[in-house]
């Protein structure tokens, strides 16, 4: 059953090609929940078999992530904070499994250190899709938003590509390393943000 599902994913990925990688990563980076491990590792495994190009997968996967993040940014900017939070109480939001608590947690992280949060949160599950929303609420300048989103997304896509390229044929090992990678990235991300917030508060006290 598992191998049938894996072969189905690989067939879809190969059929969609590079633009399929772009579209799937755009969806994954927007408000629609779609796991990036179903987009990048299968394509990277196909690259390992000589059926796709790894460099193009990484570039288009990163650009897809950036495009999806920009969609969230502009939606938040146009709709505004009150309406976005009101929409999270609808059935559609519950169906898409978008929780108000997750957005509140992400927004708090952003408000404490906006630039570092944009970069680090692209490497942390759940919040990576939501971090663009508070950036839109606050009308964060586009240039740093794009640069930090692209950088964080690039690292994320490269990590998934390496896992897929090396371990894609063995899904059990792939998922094992994938979950371990998520735990490590989450710990490092939270530690980095906590340290930067502590450093910022300490600097303010010295100035006072």
Foldseek 3Di string as FASTA:
>chain_A
DVVVVLVVLLVVQLVVALVQLLQQLLCCLALQPDDNLSRQLSQLQCVLVVSHPLVSSLVSSLNSNLNSLVVLLQVLQVCADVRVLVVCPDPVVVVSVPHSVLLVVLLVLCVLPPLLSLQLLCLAPPSSNRNSNNCSNVVPPPPSNSVSSSNNSSVNSVVSSVLSSVPVVPVVVSVVVVVVSNVVSVVVSVVVSVVVSVVVVVVVVVVD
